[in-house]
Amino acid sequence: MNIAGMLLRIERLKQGKGQKEICQGICVVSYLSKIERGKVDPDPEILRRLFQELGIDYCCDRDFLAWAENLIKKAYYQLDYSLDRAAFRELTPEDKKLSYSPFALDWIILKGLERDEIPIEVLDECADAMDPQQLAWYYMVPDACRGQENIRRAKRAYEILGSSTSLLHLALAYWEASEYLKVQELCEQAADLAVREGNTYNIADSFFMAGNLYACLKLDELMFSNYERGIRLLQNTFWAEELDGVYYNMGATFLEMNRFDEARKYLDMVQGKHFLLDQKKCLLEIRTGNHEKAMQYLEEMEKEAAKLPPDHEIQLLMLEEARMELKKDFLSDRAYLNLLDRLMQLLEQELHFGYMNFYHDQYKEACCRQRMYRKAMEIETKFSSITSKMLFKR
């Protein structure tokens, strides 16, 4: 299907105009119908005049289109190799022209990949007009779908592109479905493929994803060794600022292990600022007896939480959990255990197994303090079962 015909039809219907109304004096209705259904390759001048009837300048400028084509190719390349998005930034001021040009479909896909405000429904409507490469990139647009449908799309993208970027996207789809054994397998394949491509960032990203996997499974040595490999690859590059997530994960894991000096070292290396970082720093100060400093981080958490929509219950429970840790003998407080019951329930529903790991020992300890030994055993059994399912799910 011709993208110009699709755009023409969408805009005509949006304005509530009939085919006869806009094609009068330009072409016959049957020709317009064929254009809209992608049955003909329309004459550029006729196309321009049809769009003009809708108050839109359809771009047919050859010099502009040659310039745009070159930059669009660069934009895809920069996405594939996680390079600076210079081409996308250069194209952005020409948004209106690109949106009504032969490159409209590529432009919509690129904006979706850059998490621009492109409704998924718009991309879905255009899928029939996409060539194989466009379709593959469309399948990698973030948050388009979840579960098995996400895996199906990611598989198709990899079948078309065969790149380490598409393979890592497939690994991420399995990650979100908690099929961790498959994630491990794909991370190893992606690292090998990225080496053959010379894709430095994706080699590191393979190690980081493997590190995240081992963190969720509480395999600390494997987690740290994979993180360190990725860090060594990126630490002296322009990607170094993207190491924040790795430093945060390492700090959070050391905090969970009560290795507080190491936790502080890595959490302090994070350059950015966000709710979860303030939460970990708050808990670190509480657990090392610095309640005054902890209160400062708690105030920052409250400011961030105030900006969240009401459906972000997990973050609100994390905030309340930190508040309760400031109290003496909080582990013996039934209200604290009730809070953890609800928090762990939500984390399991959302497949946030890393966060479940973080609270796991605290949850068991609260049960034991309150002489609920059977519940503590049930928690351990359930957690072991979840971990086994993540490892051996097919």
Protein backbone atom coordinates (compact mmCIF):
# COMPACT_ATOMS: atom_id res chain seq x y z
CA MET A 1 0.00 0.00 0.00
CA ASN A 2 1.23 3.50 -0.86
CA ILE A 3 1.79 5.59 2.29
CA ALA A 4 0.71 8.77 0.48
CA GLY A 5 -2.65 7.21 -0.36
CA MET A 6 -3.11 6.10 3.23
CA LEU A 7 -2.26 9.57 4.56
CA LEU A 8 -4.62 11.13 2.04
CA ARG A 9 -7.50 8.88 3.10
CA ILE A 10 -6.87 9.40 6.84
CA GLU A 11 -6.78 13.18 6.43
CA ARG A 12 -9.85 13.24 4.15
CA LEU A 13 -11.92 11.21 6.62
CA LYS A 14 -10.62 13.32 9.51
CA GLN A 15 -11.98 16.42 7.74
CA GLY A 16 -15.27 14.68 6.90
CA LYS A 17 -14.90 15.13 3.13
CA GLY A 18 -16.01 12.75 0.39
CA GLN A 19 -13.83 11.54 -2.48
CA LYS A 20 -15.84 13.45 -5.08
CA GLU A 21 -15.45 16.68 -3.12
CA ILE A 22 -11.65 16.73 -3.15
CA CYS A 23 -10.92 15.24 -6.58
CA GLN A 24 -13.16 17.58 -8.61
CA GLY A 25 -11.10 19.16 -11.38
CA ILE A 26 -8.05 17.04 -10.49
CA CYS A 27 -8.85 13.41 -11.29
CA VAL A 28 -11.77 11.00 -11.50
CA VAL A 29 -13.13 9.43 -8.30
CA SER A 30 -12.02 5.95 -9.34
CA TYR A 31 -8.40 7.15 -9.65
CA LEU A 32 -8.53 8.74 -6.17
CA SER A 33 -9.98 5.49 -4.82
CA LYS A 34 -7.06 3.55 -6.33
CA ILE A 35 -4.57 6.03 -4.82
CA GLU A 36 -6.12 5.63 -1.37
CA ARG A 37 -6.11 1.83 -1.64
CA GLY A 38 -2.50 1.78 -2.87
CA LYS A 39 -3.44 0.29 -6.23
CA VAL A 40 -1.55 2.86 -8.31
CA ASP A 41 1.68 4.80 -8.06
CA PRO A 42 0.15 8.30 -8.27
CA ASP A 43 1.43 11.16 -10.38
CA PRO A 44 3.28 13.52 -7.95
CA GLU A 45 1.49 16.62 -9.27
CA ILE A 46 -1.96 15.04 -8.87
CA LEU A 47 -1.00 13.94 -5.36
CA ARG A 48 0.18 17.44 -4.47
CA ARG A 49 -3.09 18.99 -5.69
CA LEU A 50 -5.23 16.43 -3.81
CA PHE A 51 -3.43 17.22 -0.56
CA GLN A 52 -3.78 20.92 -1.34
CA GLU A 53 -7.56 20.45 -1.43
CA LEU A 54 -7.25 19.30 2.19
CA GLY A 55 -5.13 22.32 3.11
CA ILE A 56 -1.91 20.30 3.29
CA ASP A 57 1.34 20.83 1.42
CA TYR A 58 2.50 17.37 0.35
CA CYS A 59 6.26 17.60 -0.10
CA CYS A 60 7.58 16.62 -3.52
CA ASP A 61 10.73 18.77 -3.41
CA ARG A 62 13.46 16.52 -4.82
CA ASP A 63 16.32 18.25 -3.03
CA PHE A 64 14.53 18.06 0.31
CA LEU A 65 13.60 14.40 -0.23
CA ALA A 66 17.20 13.48 -1.12
CA TRP A 67 18.39 15.24 2.06
CA ALA A 68 15.71 13.51 4.15
CA GLU A 69 16.43 10.07 2.69
CA ASN A 70 20.11 10.34 3.60
CA LEU A 71 19.36 11.43 7.18
CA ILE A 72 16.69 8.77 7.69
CA LYS A 73 19.23 6.07 6.76
CA LYS A 74 21.65 7.61 9.25
CA ALA A 75 18.93 7.75 11.92
CA TYR A 76 18.28 4.00 11.64
CA TYR A 77 22.03 3.32 11.72
CA GLN A 78 22.48 5.47 14.83
CA LEU A 79 19.65 3.59 16.54
CA ASP A 80 21.14 0.23 15.57
CA TYR A 81 24.55 1.13 17.01
CA SER A 82 23.25 3.28 19.91
CA LEU A 83 25.12 6.31 18.60
CA ASP A 84 24.31 9.96 19.23
CA ARG A 85 20.90 10.71 17.65
CA ALA A 86 22.24 13.60 15.56
CA ALA A 87 20.28 12.62 12.43
CA PHE A 88 16.95 12.45 14.30
CA ARG A 89 17.59 15.86 15.87
CA GLU A 90 18.41 17.33 12.46
CA LEU A 91 15.20 15.92 10.99
CA THR A 92 12.94 17.04 13.86
CA PRO A 93 12.52 20.72 12.80
CA GLU A 94 11.11 19.40 9.49
CA ASP A 95 8.42 17.35 11.25
CA LYS A 96 5.52 18.87 9.30
CA LYS A 97 7.18 18.37 5.90
CA LEU A 98 8.24 14.83 6.72
CA SER A 99 4.77 13.93 8.01
CA TYR A 100 3.34 14.62 4.54
CA SER A 101 6.03 13.26 2.28
CA PRO A 102 7.04 9.90 0.77
CA PHE A 103 9.05 9.36 3.99
CA ALA A 104 6.08 9.86 6.32
CA LEU A 105 6.07 6.20 7.36
CA ASP A 106 9.77 6.13 8.24
CA TRP A 107 9.32 9.36 10.16
CA ILE A 108 6.40 7.95 12.18
CA ILE A 109 8.44 4.82 13.00
CA LEU A 110 11.52 6.82 14.01
CA LYS A 111 9.43 9.02 16.30
CA GLY A 112 7.93 5.90 17.86
CA LEU A 113 11.40 4.42 18.42
CA GLU A 114 12.52 7.67 20.04
CA ARG A 115 9.49 7.48 22.37
CA ASP A 116 7.93 10.54 20.79
CA GLU A 117 4.21 11.12 21.27
CA ILE A 118 3.10 8.71 18.54
CA PRO A 119 -0.03 6.70 19.41
CA ILE A 120 0.54 2.99 18.83
CA GLU A 121 -2.78 2.86 16.96
CA VAL A 122 -1.35 5.17 14.27
CA LEU A 123 1.55 2.78 13.69
CA ASP A 124 -0.80 -0.21 13.71
CA GLU A 125 -2.93 1.39 11.00
CA CYS A 126 0.15 1.89 8.82
CA ALA A 127 1.53 -1.67 9.19
CA ASP A 128 0.10 -2.85 5.85
CA ALA A 129 2.04 -0.12 4.05
CA MET A 130 5.43 -1.05 5.54
CA ASP A 131 8.28 -2.75 3.73
CA PRO A 132 10.09 -5.55 5.66
CA GLN A 133 12.72 -3.28 7.25
CA GLN A 134 10.11 -0.75 8.34
CA LEU A 135 8.00 -3.56 9.75
CA ALA A 136 10.95 -4.90 11.76
CA TRP A 137 11.67 -1.51 13.32
CA TYR A 138 7.95 -1.00 13.98
CA TYR A 139 7.97 -4.30 15.90
CA MET A 140 10.71 -2.84 18.13
CA VAL A 141 8.80 0.32 19.10
CA PRO A 142 8.80 0.39 22.94
CA ASP A 143 5.62 -0.51 24.86
CA ALA A 144 3.66 -1.50 21.74
CA CYS A 145 2.43 -4.73 23.37
CA ARG A 146 3.29 -7.22 26.10
CA GLY A 147 3.52 -10.94 26.78
CA GLN A 148 3.50 -13.52 24.01
CA GLU A 149 2.48 -10.97 21.36
CA ASN A 150 5.58 -8.94 22.22
CA ILE A 151 7.72 -12.09 21.85
CA ARG A 152 6.08 -12.90 18.51
CA ARG A 153 6.79 -9.43 17.15
CA ALA A 154 10.35 -9.43 18.47
CA LYS A 155 11.01 -12.81 16.82
CA ARG A 156 9.74 -11.44 13.51
CA ALA A 157 11.96 -8.35 13.83
CA TYR A 158 15.00 -10.55 14.40
CA GLU A 159 14.09 -12.81 11.47
CA ILE A 160 14.05 -9.75 9.20
CA LEU A 161 17.04 -7.78 10.49
CA GLY A 162 19.23 -10.53 11.98
CA SER A 163 21.07 -7.87 14.02
CA SER A 164 22.30 -7.84 17.61
CA THR A 165 19.91 -4.94 18.29
CA SER A 166 16.89 -7.00 17.24
CA LEU A 167 18.22 -10.04 19.14
CA LEU A 168 18.58 -8.00 22.34
CA HIS A 169 15.04 -6.72 21.80
CA LEU A 170 13.91 -10.35 21.65
CA ALA A 171 15.84 -11.09 24.86
CA LEU A 172 14.07 -8.15 26.51
CA ALA A 173 10.69 -9.52 25.40
CA TYR A 174 11.51 -12.85 27.07
CA TRP A 175 12.75 -10.93 30.13
CA GLU A 176 9.40 -9.18 30.45
CA ALA A 177 7.71 -12.60 30.22
CA SER A 178 10.10 -13.81 33.00
CA GLU A 179 11.56 -16.58 30.79
CA TYR A 180 15.05 -16.12 32.19
CA LEU A 181 16.71 -19.24 30.81
CA LYS A 182 15.88 -18.02 27.30
CA VAL A 183 17.22 -14.56 28.20
CA GLN A 184 20.56 -16.09 29.22
CA GLU A 185 20.81 -18.00 25.94
CA LEU A 186 19.96 -14.95 23.82
CA CYS A 187 22.36 -12.67 25.71
CA GLU A 188 25.25 -14.99 24.85
CA GLN A 189 24.18 -15.10 21.19
CA ALA A 190 23.74 -11.31 21.07
CA ALA A 191 27.22 -10.71 22.49
CA ASP A 192 28.77 -12.97 19.83
CA LEU A 193 26.76 -11.31 17.06
CA ALA A 194 27.62 -7.81 18.32
CA VAL A 195 31.33 -8.70 18.22
CA ARG A 196 30.98 -9.72 14.56
CA GLU A 197 29.13 -6.47 13.81
CA GLY A 198 31.61 -4.32 15.72
CA ASN A 199 28.70 -3.03 17.82
CA THR A 200 30.44 -2.03 21.05
CA TYR A 201 27.34 -0.83 22.87
CA ASN A 202 25.43 -4.04 22.22
CA ILE A 203 28.33 -6.17 23.49
CA ALA A 204 28.14 -4.20 26.74
CA ASP A 205 24.34 -4.29 26.77
CA SER A 206 24.44 -8.10 26.50
CA PHE A 207 26.61 -8.19 29.63
CA PHE A 208 24.34 -5.72 31.44
CA MET A 209 21.21 -7.74 30.66
CA ALA A 210 22.95 -10.91 31.84
CA GLY A 211 23.99 -9.05 35.00
CA ASN A 212 20.39 -8.00 35.63
CA LEU A 213 19.31 -11.61 35.11
CA TYR A 214 21.78 -12.93 37.68
CA ALA A 215 20.82 -10.16 40.11
CA CYS A 216 17.19 -11.35 40.00
CA LEU A 217 18.37 -14.90 40.67
CA LYS A 218 20.63 -13.77 43.56
CA LEU A 219 23.73 -15.08 41.78
CA ASP A 220 25.86 -12.18 42.95
CA GLU A 221 29.28 -13.18 41.61
CA LEU A 222 27.92 -13.77 38.11
CA MET A 223 26.04 -10.47 38.32
CA PHE A 224 29.15 -8.48 39.25
CA SER A 225 31.41 -10.16 36.68
CA ASN A 226 28.97 -9.35 33.85
CA TYR A 227 28.46 -5.78 35.04
CA GLU A 228 32.22 -5.23 35.27
CA ARG A 229 32.73 -6.46 31.69
CA GLY A 230 30.13 -4.00 30.43
CA ILE A 231 31.55 -1.14 32.49
CA ARG A 232 35.06 -1.72 31.14
CA LEU A 233 33.71 -1.49 27.59
CA LEU A 234 31.83 1.78 28.09
CA GLN A 235 33.58 3.67 30.89
CA ASN A 236 35.87 5.73 28.62
CA THR A 237 33.33 6.35 25.85
CA PHE A 238 30.54 8.88 25.32
CA TRP A 239 28.19 6.13 26.60
CA ALA A 240 29.70 6.41 30.11
CA GLU A 241 26.74 8.47 31.34
CA GLU A 242 24.49 5.48 30.60
CA LEU A 243 26.23 3.46 33.30
CA ASP A 244 23.95 5.01 35.94
CA GLY A 245 21.56 2.06 35.78
CA VAL A 246 24.39 -0.42 36.34
CA TYR A 247 25.81 1.51 39.30
CA TYR A 248 22.31 1.74 40.77
CA ASN A 249 21.75 -2.03 40.44
CA MET A 250 25.13 -2.80 42.00
CA GLY A 251 24.49 -0.40 44.88
CA ALA A 252 21.01 -1.84 45.48
CA THR A 253 22.38 -5.39 45.50
CA PHE A 254 25.13 -4.51 47.99
CA LEU A 255 22.49 -2.81 50.16
CA GLU A 256 20.37 -5.97 50.07
CA MET A 257 23.48 -7.93 51.17
CA ASN A 258 24.15 -5.45 54.03
CA ARG A 259 27.51 -4.53 52.49
CA PHE A 260 26.92 -0.88 53.21
CA ASP A 261 30.29 0.67 52.27
CA GLU A 262 30.13 -0.88 48.81
CA ALA A 263 26.46 0.08 48.47
CA ARG A 264 27.32 3.71 49.23
CA LYS A 265 30.22 3.66 46.76
CA TYR A 266 28.06 2.60 43.81
CA LEU A 267 24.94 4.59 44.70
CA ASP A 268 27.10 7.72 44.94
CA MET A 269 28.43 7.02 41.44
CA VAL A 270 24.93 7.47 39.96
CA GLN A 271 24.81 10.89 38.29
CA GLY A 272 21.07 11.16 37.77
CA LYS A 273 18.30 11.52 40.33
CA HIS A 274 15.08 9.52 40.65
CA PHE A 275 12.66 8.06 43.18
CA LEU A 276 14.26 4.61 43.45
CA LEU A 277 17.74 6.07 43.93
CA ASP A 278 16.47 8.29 46.76
CA GLN A 279 14.72 5.25 48.23
CA LYS A 280 17.91 3.15 48.28
CA LYS A 281 19.94 6.02 49.74
CA CYS A 282 17.25 6.58 52.37
CA LEU A 283 17.32 2.90 53.40
CA LEU A 284 21.13 2.92 53.41
CA GLU A 285 21.18 5.82 55.88
CA ILE A 286 18.49 4.20 58.05
CA ARG A 287 20.36 0.90 58.20
CA THR A 288 23.64 2.62 59.07
CA GLY A 289 22.00 4.67 61.83
CA ASN A 290 22.03 8.09 60.14
CA HIS A 291 18.35 8.97 60.54
CA GLU A 292 18.82 12.70 59.99
CA LYS A 293 20.29 12.11 56.53
CA ALA A 294 17.63 9.47 55.86
CA MET A 295 14.92 12.07 56.49
CA GLN A 296 16.38 14.27 53.75
CA TYR A 297 16.08 11.46 51.22
CA LEU A 298 12.60 10.64 52.51
CA GLU A 299 11.54 14.22 51.80
CA GLU A 300 12.88 13.88 48.24
CA MET A 301 10.92 10.64 47.83
CA GLU A 302 7.75 12.40 49.01
CA LYS A 303 8.25 15.16 46.43
CA GLU A 304 8.66 12.59 43.65
CA ALA A 305 5.70 10.53 44.90
CA ALA A 306 3.48 13.62 44.86
CA LYS A 307 3.97 13.81 41.08
CA LEU A 308 2.88 10.20 40.51
CA PRO A 309 -0.63 9.27 39.32
CA PRO A 310 -2.80 7.40 41.88
CA ASP A 311 -2.28 4.02 40.16
CA HIS A 312 1.44 3.94 41.11
CA GLU A 313 0.72 2.01 44.29
CA ILE A 314 4.07 0.19 44.31
CA GLN A 315 6.07 3.41 44.67
CA LEU A 316 3.70 4.70 47.34
CA LEU A 317 4.11 1.47 49.31
CA MET A 318 7.90 1.73 48.96
CA LEU A 319 7.69 5.23 50.39
CA GLU A 320 5.60 4.04 53.33
CA GLU A 321 7.96 1.09 53.90
CA ALA A 322 10.92 3.49 54.19
CA ARG A 323 8.96 5.63 56.67
CA MET A 324 8.22 2.58 58.80
CA GLU A 325 11.88 1.50 58.86
CA LEU A 326 12.60 4.71 60.77
CA LYS A 327 10.53 3.40 63.67
CA LYS A 328 12.00 1.34 66.48
CA ASP A 329 11.21 -2.41 66.27
CA PHE A 330 9.40 -1.92 62.95
CA LEU A 331 9.92 -5.60 62.09
CA SER A 332 7.67 -6.51 65.02
CA ASP A 333 4.89 -4.20 63.83
CA ARG A 334 1.94 -6.05 62.28
CA ALA A 335 1.19 -2.99 60.10
CA TYR A 336 4.67 -3.34 58.57
CA LEU A 337 4.05 -6.98 57.72
CA ASN A 338 0.66 -6.12 56.20
CA LEU A 339 2.36 -3.48 54.06
CA LEU A 340 4.94 -6.00 52.82
CA ASP A 341 2.14 -8.50 52.07
CA ARG A 342 0.54 -5.97 49.73
CA LEU A 343 3.83 -4.78 48.23
CA MET A 344 5.05 -8.31 47.43
CA GLN A 345 1.67 -9.18 45.94
CA LEU A 346 1.87 -6.22 43.55
CA LEU A 347 5.51 -6.88 42.67
CA GLU A 348 4.68 -10.47 41.77
CA GLN A 349 1.72 -9.36 39.63
CA GLU A 350 3.93 -6.89 37.76
CA LEU A 351 6.79 -9.44 37.43
CA HIS A 352 9.21 -7.16 39.33
CA PHE A 353 11.33 -10.04 40.63
CA GLY A 354 14.38 -7.86 41.26
CA TYR A 355 12.39 -5.75 43.72
CA MET A 356 10.93 -8.92 45.25
CA ASN A 357 14.49 -10.09 45.85
CA PHE A 358 15.29 -6.81 47.55
CA TYR A 359 12.49 -7.20 50.12
CA HIS A 360 12.64 -11.00 50.40
CA ASP A 361 14.89 -11.33 53.47
CA GLN A 362 13.19 -8.43 55.24
CA TYR A 363 9.80 -10.06 54.62
CA LYS A 364 10.92 -13.36 56.15
CA GLU A 365 12.55 -11.61 59.11
CA ALA A 366 9.35 -9.69 59.89
CA CYS A 367 7.41 -12.99 59.92
CA CYS A 368 9.94 -14.59 62.27
CA ARG A 369 9.96 -11.59 64.62
CA GLN A 370 6.19 -11.90 64.87
CA ARG A 371 6.43 -15.68 65.46
CA MET A 372 4.76 -16.45 62.15
CA TYR A 373 7.20 -19.22 61.31
CA ARG A 374 4.90 -21.16 59.04
CA LYS A 375 4.32 -18.04 56.94
CA ALA A 376 8.09 -17.49 56.76
CA MET A 377 8.52 -21.04 55.43
CA GLU A 378 5.69 -20.53 52.94
CA ILE A 379 7.36 -17.33 51.71
CA GLU A 380 10.66 -19.17 51.18
CA THR A 381 8.93 -22.06 49.40
CA LYS A 382 6.96 -19.70 47.17
CA PHE A 383 10.03 -17.62 46.35
CA SER A 384 12.03 -20.74 45.43
CA SER A 385 9.13 -21.86 43.23
CA ILE A 386 9.00 -18.50 41.43
CA THR A 387 12.77 -18.61 40.84
CA SER A 388 12.53 -22.16 39.45
CA LYS A 389 9.73 -21.14 37.09
CA MET A 390 11.78 -18.20 35.84
CA LEU A 391 14.72 -20.48 35.14
CA PHE A 392 12.95 -23.44 33.57
CA LYS A 393 9.89 -21.87 31.92
CA ARG A 394 9.56 -22.75 28.24
